[in-house]
């Protein structure tokens, strides 16, 4: 990686850190430049404005955020579907939880998207799109479960929503540093949905 690309990545990483720590609204361009040890005019070489930086960080954090990273639907069989669903959910929860900065950043972008949705709907639309990808992924998993005879084919959309909402709610509890038995809750949710 050349020096320019390395510095650009440092700009993105620093913005991620400060946005998650102090909030997008409270983080100034000057704060980012200071954290990087550069002048504010030098920062303009890498990004034109704070708004552009907000967009670049948003794109960066969501570029690899996909259902397939956690749930390998094509690998699911009648014998392993429930285990794969459990394992994928725990992998998702553990990866996000281990990255407290990412968890805070996702929360911050959700707040930011809601604050500016009257002016710019792109953020809220992308967040909704990611949520829909997870719900659609769970629909696909539950359709496989019905094909395998593991569950009845009724209310699949609602049941997929339950799985997606439970993952989000477990993360919300973790973000509030509330002690819950996430593994037991996730397993019970799967058992209640697939019956």
C-alpha atoms as a PDB file:
ATOM      1  CA  UNK A   1       0.000   0.000   0.000  1.00  0.00           C
ATOM      2  CA  UNK A   2       1.464   3.378  -0.947  1.00  0.00           C
ATOM      3  CA  UNK A   3       1.801   6.237   1.525  1.00  0.00           C
ATOM      4  CA  UNK A   4      -1.239   8.121   0.193  1.00  0.00           C
ATOM      5  CA  UNK A   5      -3.476   5.062   0.551  1.00  0.00           C
ATOM      6  CA  UNK A   6      -2.086   4.360   4.016  1.00  0.00           C
ATOM      7  CA  UNK A   7      -2.850   7.920   5.121  1.00  0.00           C
ATOM      8  CA  UNK A   8      -6.332   7.767   3.592  1.00  0.00           C
ATOM      9  CA  UNK A   9      -6.997   4.543   5.549  1.00  0.00           C
ATOM     10  CA  UNK A  10      -5.761   6.275   8.710  1.00  0.00           C
ATOM     11  CA  UNK A  11      -8.253   9.099   8.012  1.00  0.00           C
ATOM     12  CA  UNK A  12     -11.095   6.557   7.716  1.00  0.00           C
ATOM     13  CA  UNK A  13      -9.981   4.648  10.828  1.00  0.00           C
ATOM     14  CA  UNK A  14      -9.648   7.847  12.859  1.00  0.00           C
ATOM     15  CA  UNK A  15     -13.075   9.054  11.747  1.00  0.00           C
ATOM     16  CA  UNK A  16     -14.554   5.674  12.721  1.00  0.00           C
ATOM     17  CA  UNK A  17     -12.957   5.912  16.155  1.00  0.00           C
ATOM     18  CA  UNK A  18     -14.064   9.514  16.797  1.00  0.00           C
ATOM     19  CA  UNK A  19     -17.563   9.087  15.341  1.00  0.00           C
ATOM     20  CA  UNK A  20     -18.095   6.077  17.610  1.00  0.00           C
ATOM     21  CA  UNK A  21     -16.537   7.745  20.666  1.00  0.00           C
ATOM     22  CA  UNK A  22     -17.868  11.290  20.427  1.00  0.00           C
ATOM     23  CA  UNK A  23     -20.703  10.972  17.930  1.00  0.00           C
ATOM     24  CA  UNK A  24     -20.891  12.102  14.327  1.00  0.00           C
ATOM     25  CA  UNK A  25     -22.491  15.416  15.179  1.00  0.00           C
ATOM     26  CA  UNK A  26     -19.903  16.350  17.840  1.00  0.00           C
ATOM     27  CA  UNK A  27     -16.838  15.251  15.869  1.00  0.00           C
ATOM     28  CA  UNK A  28     -15.335  18.150  13.959  1.00  0.00           C
ATOM     29  CA  UNK A  29     -12.961  18.125  11.014  1.00  0.00           C
ATOM     30  CA  UNK A  30     -10.428  19.875  13.275  1.00  0.00           C
ATOM     31  CA  UNK A  31     -10.697  17.047  15.860  1.00  0.00           C
ATOM     32  CA  UNK A  32     -10.001  14.464  13.173  1.00  0.00           C
ATOM     33  CA  UNK A  33      -6.996  16.409  11.859  1.00  0.00           C
ATOM     34  CA  UNK A  34      -5.619  16.826  15.385  1.00  0.00           C
ATOM     35  CA  UNK A  35      -6.022  13.110  16.149  1.00  0.00           C
ATOM     36  CA  UNK A  36      -4.147  12.331  12.927  1.00  0.00           C
ATOM     37  CA  UNK A  37      -1.394  14.794  13.781  1.00  0.00           C
ATOM     38  CA  UNK A  38      -1.989  16.846  10.651  1.00  0.00           C
ATOM     39  CA  UNK A  39      -3.356  20.260   9.855  1.00  0.00           C
ATOM     40  CA  UNK A  40      -6.955  20.760   8.825  1.00  0.00           C
ATOM     41  CA  UNK A  41      -5.892  21.928   5.320  1.00  0.00           C
ATOM     42  CA  UNK A  42      -3.841  18.712   4.947  1.00  0.00           C
ATOM     43  CA  UNK A  43      -6.940  16.673   5.740  1.00  0.00           C
ATOM     44  CA  UNK A  44      -8.735  18.345   2.822  1.00  0.00           C
ATOM     45  CA  UNK A  45      -6.271  16.595   0.514  1.00  0.00           C
ATOM     46  CA  UNK A  46      -7.903  13.261   1.434  1.00  0.00           C
ATOM     47  CA  UNK A  47     -11.554  14.312   1.821  1.00  0.00           C
ATOM     48  CA  UNK A  48     -13.315  17.464   0.696  1.00  0.00           C
ATOM     49  CA  UNK A  49     -15.554  17.901   3.723  1.00  0.00           C
ATOM     50  CA  UNK A  50     -16.905  16.317   6.861  1.00  0.00           C
ATOM     51  CA  UNK A  51     -20.053  15.352   4.919  1.00  0.00           C
ATOM     52  CA  UNK A  52     -17.932  13.463   2.380  1.00  0.00           C
ATOM     53  CA  UNK A  53     -16.043  11.747   5.204  1.00  0.00           C
ATOM     54  CA  UNK A  54     -19.328  10.724   6.861  1.00  0.00           C
ATOM     55  CA  UNK A  55     -20.419   9.136   3.565  1.00  0.00           C
ATOM     56  CA  UNK A  56     -17.077   7.389   3.005  1.00  0.00           C
ATOM     57  CA  UNK A  57     -17.072   5.891   6.512  1.00  0.00           C
ATOM     58  CA  UNK A  58     -20.695   4.788   6.060  1.00  0.00           C
ATOM     59  CA  UNK A  59     -19.877   3.013   2.788  1.00  0.00           C
ATOM     60  CA  UNK A  60     -16.756   1.493   4.337  1.00  0.00           C
ATOM     61  CA  UNK A  61     -18.528  -0.049   7.348  1.00  0.00           C
ATOM     62  CA  UNK A  62     -21.351  -1.511   5.280  1.00  0.00           C
ATOM     63  CA  UNK A  63     -19.331  -2.862   2.342  1.00  0.00           C
ATOM     64  CA  UNK A  64     -18.730  -6.288   3.965  1.00  0.00           C
ATOM     65  CA  UNK A  65     -21.812  -6.370   6.196  1.00  0.00           C
ATOM     66  CA  UNK A  66     -23.814  -9.239   4.720  1.00  0.00           C
ATOM     67  CA  UNK A  67     -26.008 -12.136   5.771  1.00  0.00           C
ATOM     68  CA  UNK A  68     -23.791 -14.659   3.961  1.00  0.00           C
ATOM     69  CA  UNK A  69     -20.822 -13.769   6.161  1.00  0.00           C
ATOM     70  CA  UNK A  70     -22.629 -15.458   9.047  1.00  0.00           C
ATOM     71  CA  UNK A  71     -25.215 -17.824   7.591  1.00  0.00           C
ATOM     72  CA  UNK A  72     -24.104 -20.179   4.804  1.00  0.00           C
ATOM     73  CA  UNK A  73     -27.541 -21.173   3.511  1.00  0.00           C
ATOM     74  CA  UNK A  74     -26.119 -23.336   0.712  1.00  0.00           C
ATOM     75  CA  UNK A  75     -24.314 -25.481   3.327  1.00  0.00           C
ATOM     76  CA  UNK A  76     -27.463 -26.106   5.378  1.00  0.00           C
ATOM     77  CA  UNK A  77     -28.921 -29.605   5.437  1.00  0.00           C
ATOM     78  CA  UNK A  78     -31.813 -31.170   7.303  1.00  0.00           C
ATOM     79  CA  UNK A  79     -29.363 -32.439   9.917  1.00  0.00           C
ATOM     80  CA  UNK A  80     -27.394 -29.228  10.467  1.00  0.00           C
ATOM     81  CA  UNK A  81     -29.800 -26.353   9.709  1.00  0.00           C
ATOM     82  CA  UNK A  82     -30.608 -25.515  13.320  1.00  0.00           C
ATOM     83  CA  UNK A  83     -26.958 -25.811  14.365  1.00  0.00           C
ATOM     84  CA  UNK A  84     -25.860 -23.658  11.413  1.00  0.00           C
ATOM     85  CA  UNK A  85     -28.491 -21.050  12.319  1.00  0.00           C
ATOM     86  CA  UNK A  86     -27.326 -21.055  15.938  1.00  0.00           C
ATOM     87  CA  UNK A  87     -23.616 -20.932  15.041  1.00  0.00           C
ATOM     88  CA  UNK A  88     -24.119 -18.150  12.477  1.00  0.00           C
ATOM     89  CA  UNK A  89     -26.079 -16.041  14.946  1.00  0.00           C
ATOM     90  CA  UNK A  90     -23.484 -16.486  17.668  1.00  0.00           C
ATOM     91  CA  UNK A  91     -20.688 -15.632  15.229  1.00  0.00           C
ATOM     92  CA  UNK A  92     -22.564 -12.438  14.283  1.00  0.00           C
ATOM     93  CA  UNK A  93     -23.197 -11.470  17.912  1.00  0.00           C
ATOM     94  CA  UNK A  94     -19.622 -12.209  18.995  1.00  0.00           C
ATOM     95  CA  UNK A  95     -17.978 -10.371  16.088  1.00  0.00           C
ATOM     96  CA  UNK A  96     -20.093  -7.258  16.512  1.00  0.00           C
ATOM     97  CA  UNK A  97     -19.846  -7.365  20.302  1.00  0.00           C
ATOM     98  CA  UNK A  98     -16.056  -7.731  20.202  1.00  0.00           C
ATOM     99  CA  UNK A  99     -15.870  -4.607  18.087  1.00  0.00           C
ATOM    100  CA  UNK A 100     -17.396  -2.144  20.529  1.00  0.00           C
ATOM    101  CA  UNK A 101     -16.381   0.713  18.232  1.00  0.00           C
ATOM    102  CA  UNK A 102     -18.378  -0.853  15.380  1.00  0.00           C
ATOM    103  CA  UNK A 103     -21.391  -1.394  17.616  1.00  0.00           C
ATOM    104  CA  UNK A 104     -21.292   2.248  18.730  1.00  0.00           C
ATOM    105  CA  UNK A 105     -20.757   3.377  15.136  1.00  0.00           C
ATOM    106  CA  UNK A 106     -23.762   1.409  13.854  1.00  0.00           C
ATOM    107  CA  UNK A 107     -25.878   2.977  16.568  1.00  0.00           C
ATOM    108  CA  UNK A 108     -24.500   6.437  15.770  1.00  0.00           C
ATOM    109  CA  UNK A 109     -25.260   6.062  12.057  1.00  0.00           C
ATOM    110  CA  UNK A 110     -28.809   4.931  12.826  1.00  0.00           C
ATOM    111  CA  UNK A 111     -29.322   8.097  14.899  1.00  0.00           C
ATOM    112  CA  UNK A 112     -27.639  10.226  12.223  1.00  0.00           C
ATOM    113  CA  UNK A 113     -29.753   8.676   9.448  1.00  0.00           C
ATOM    114  CA  UNK A 114     -32.940   9.439  11.354  1.00  0.00           C
ATOM    115  CA  UNK A 115     -31.813  12.999  12.082  1.00  0.00           C
ATOM    116  CA  UNK A 116     -31.132  13.867   8.449  1.00  0.00           C
ATOM    117  CA  UNK A 117     -33.707  11.699   6.645  1.00  0.00           C
ATOM    118  CA  UNK A 118     -35.755  14.758   5.661  1.00  0.00           C
ATOM    119  CA  UNK A 119     -32.702  16.161   3.838  1.00  0.00           C
ATOM    120  CA  UNK A 120     -30.932  12.991   2.691  1.00  0.00           C
ATOM    121  CA  UNK A 121     -32.621   9.599   2.662  1.00  0.00           C
ATOM    122  CA  UNK A 122     -29.598   7.641   1.405  1.00  0.00           C
ATOM    123  CA  UNK A 123     -28.404   6.688   4.900  1.00  0.00           C
ATOM    124  CA  UNK A 124     -31.758   5.505   6.196  1.00  0.00           C
ATOM    125  CA  UNK A 125     -32.428   3.673   2.922  1.00  0.00           C
ATOM    126  CA  UNK A 126     -29.112   1.783   3.150  1.00  0.00           C
ATOM    127  CA  UNK A 127     -29.766   0.815   6.774  1.00  0.00           C
ATOM    128  CA  UNK A 128     -33.233  -0.418   5.808  1.00  0.00           C
ATOM    129  CA  UNK A 129     -31.702  -2.306   2.883  1.00  0.00           C
ATOM    130  CA  UNK A 130     -29.241  -4.085   5.189  1.00  0.00           C
ATOM    131  CA  UNK A 131     -32.065  -4.970   7.586  1.00  0.00           C
ATOM    132  CA  UNK A 132     -34.098  -6.308   4.662  1.00  0.00           C
ATOM    133  CA  UNK A 133     -31.147  -8.400   3.470  1.00  0.00           C
ATOM    134  CA  UNK A 134     -31.037 -10.095   6.880  1.00  0.00           C
ATOM    135  CA  UNK A 135     -34.806 -10.675   6.977  1.00  0.00           C
ATOM    136  CA  UNK A 136     -34.754 -12.029   3.403  1.00  0.00           C
ATOM    137  CA  UNK A 137     -31.830 -14.267   4.347  1.00  0.00           C
ATOM    138  CA  UNK A 138     -33.790 -15.688   7.264  1.00  0.00           C
ATOM    139  CA  UNK A 139     -36.792 -16.191   4.962  1.00  0.00           C
ATOM    140  CA  UNK A 140     -34.531 -18.272   2.707  1.00  0.00           C
ATOM    141  CA  UNK A 141     -33.301 -20.316   5.692  1.00  0.00           C
ATOM    142  CA  UNK A 142     -36.870 -20.942   6.872  1.00  0.00           C
ATOM    143  CA  UNK A 143     -37.966 -21.941   3.383  1.00  0.00           C
ATOM    144  CA  UNK A 144     -35.200 -24.554   3.453  1.00  0.00           C
ATOM    145  CA  UNK A 145     -36.433 -25.676   6.874  1.00  0.00           C
ATOM    146  CA  UNK A 146     -39.921 -26.235   5.407  1.00  0.00           C
ATOM    147  CA  UNK A 147     -38.438 -28.121   2.431  1.00  0.00           C
ATOM    148  CA  UNK A 148     -36.615 -30.367   4.903  1.00  0.00           C
ATOM    149  CA  UNK A 149     -39.843 -30.914   6.863  1.00  0.00           C
ATOM    150  CA  UNK A 150     -38.466 -29.228   9.986  1.00  0.00           C
ATOM    151  CA  UNK A 151     -41.354 -26.769  10.237  1.00  0.00           C
ATOM    152  CA  UNK A 152     -44.736 -25.887   8.765  1.00  0.00           C
ATOM    153  CA  UNK A 153     -44.844 -23.372   5.940  1.00  0.00           C
ATOM    154  CA  UNK A 154     -46.776 -20.633   7.720  1.00  0.00           C
ATOM    155  CA  UNK A 155     -45.859 -17.107   8.766  1.00  0.00           C
ATOM    156  CA  UNK A 156     -42.337 -17.465   7.344  1.00  0.00           C
ATOM    157  CA  UNK A 157     -41.963 -13.697   6.848  1.00  0.00           C
ATOM    158  CA  UNK A 158     -43.021 -12.983  10.435  1.00  0.00           C
ATOM    159  CA  UNK A 159     -40.760 -15.714  11.803  1.00  0.00           C
ATOM    160  CA  UNK A 160     -37.824 -14.370   9.794  1.00  0.00           C
ATOM    161  CA  UNK A 161     -38.565 -10.968  11.330  1.00  0.00           C
ATOM    162  CA  UNK A 162     -38.460 -12.519  14.804  1.00  0.00           C
ATOM    163  CA  UNK A 163     -34.973 -13.931  14.130  1.00  0.00           C
ATOM    164  CA  UNK A 164     -33.670 -10.600  12.787  1.00  0.00           C
ATOM    165  CA  UNK A 165     -35.236  -8.613  15.618  1.00  0.00           C
ATOM    166  CA  UNK A 166     -33.845 -10.952  18.251  1.00  0.00           C
ATOM    167  CA  UNK A 167     -30.293 -10.517  16.946  1.00  0.00           C
ATOM    168  CA  UNK A 168     -30.745  -6.731  17.017  1.00  0.00           C
ATOM    169  CA  UNK A 169     -32.267  -6.789  20.496  1.00  0.00           C
ATOM    170  CA  UNK A 170     -29.477  -8.950  21.895  1.00  0.00           C
ATOM    171  CA  UNK A 171     -26.974  -6.440  20.498  1.00  0.00           C
ATOM    172  CA  UNK A 172     -28.928  -3.564  22.040  1.00  0.00           C
ATOM    173  CA  UNK A 173     -28.795  -5.239  25.448  1.00  0.00           C
ATOM    174  CA  UNK A 174     -25.059  -5.817  25.042  1.00  0.00           C
ATOM    175  CA  UNK A 175     -24.572  -2.193  24.022  1.00  0.00           C
ATOM    176  CA  UNK A 176     -26.262  -1.170  27.273  1.00  0.00           C
ATOM    177  CA  UNK A 177     -23.856  -3.544  29.046  1.00  0.00           C
ATOM    178  CA  UNK A 178     -26.747  -5.604  30.387  1.00  0.00           C
ATOM    179  CA  UNK A 179     -25.836  -9.145  31.320  1.00  0.00           C
ATOM    180  CA  UNK A 180     -28.058 -11.582  29.449  1.00  0.00           C
ATOM    181  CA  UNK A 181     -27.678 -15.185  28.386  1.00  0.00           C
ATOM    182  CA  UNK A 182     -27.441 -14.421  24.677  1.00  0.00           C
ATOM    183  CA  UNK A 183     -26.583 -17.997  23.674  1.00  0.00           C
ATOM    184  CA  UNK A 184     -29.590 -19.427  25.510  1.00  0.00           C
ATOM    185  CA  UNK A 185     -31.879 -16.688  24.191  1.00  0.00           C
ATOM    186  CA  UNK A 186     -30.724 -17.189  20.590  1.00  0.00           C
ATOM    187  CA  UNK A 187     -31.092 -20.985  20.857  1.00  0.00           C
ATOM    188  CA  UNK A 188     -34.586 -20.640  22.367  1.00  0.00           C
ATOM    189  CA  UNK A 189     -35.595 -18.222  19.616  1.00  0.00           C
ATOM    190  CA  UNK A 190     -34.498 -20.687  16.930  1.00  0.00           C
ATOM    191  CA  UNK A 191     -36.334 -23.525  18.682  1.00  0.00           C
ATOM    192  CA  UNK A 192     -39.516 -21.439  19.003  1.00  0.00           C
ATOM    193  CA  UNK A 193     -39.383 -20.345  15.338  1.00  0.00           C
ATOM    194  CA  UNK A 194     -38.582 -23.758  13.857  1.00  0.00           C
ATOM    195  CA  UNK A 195     -41.196 -26.108  15.200  1.00  0.00           C
END
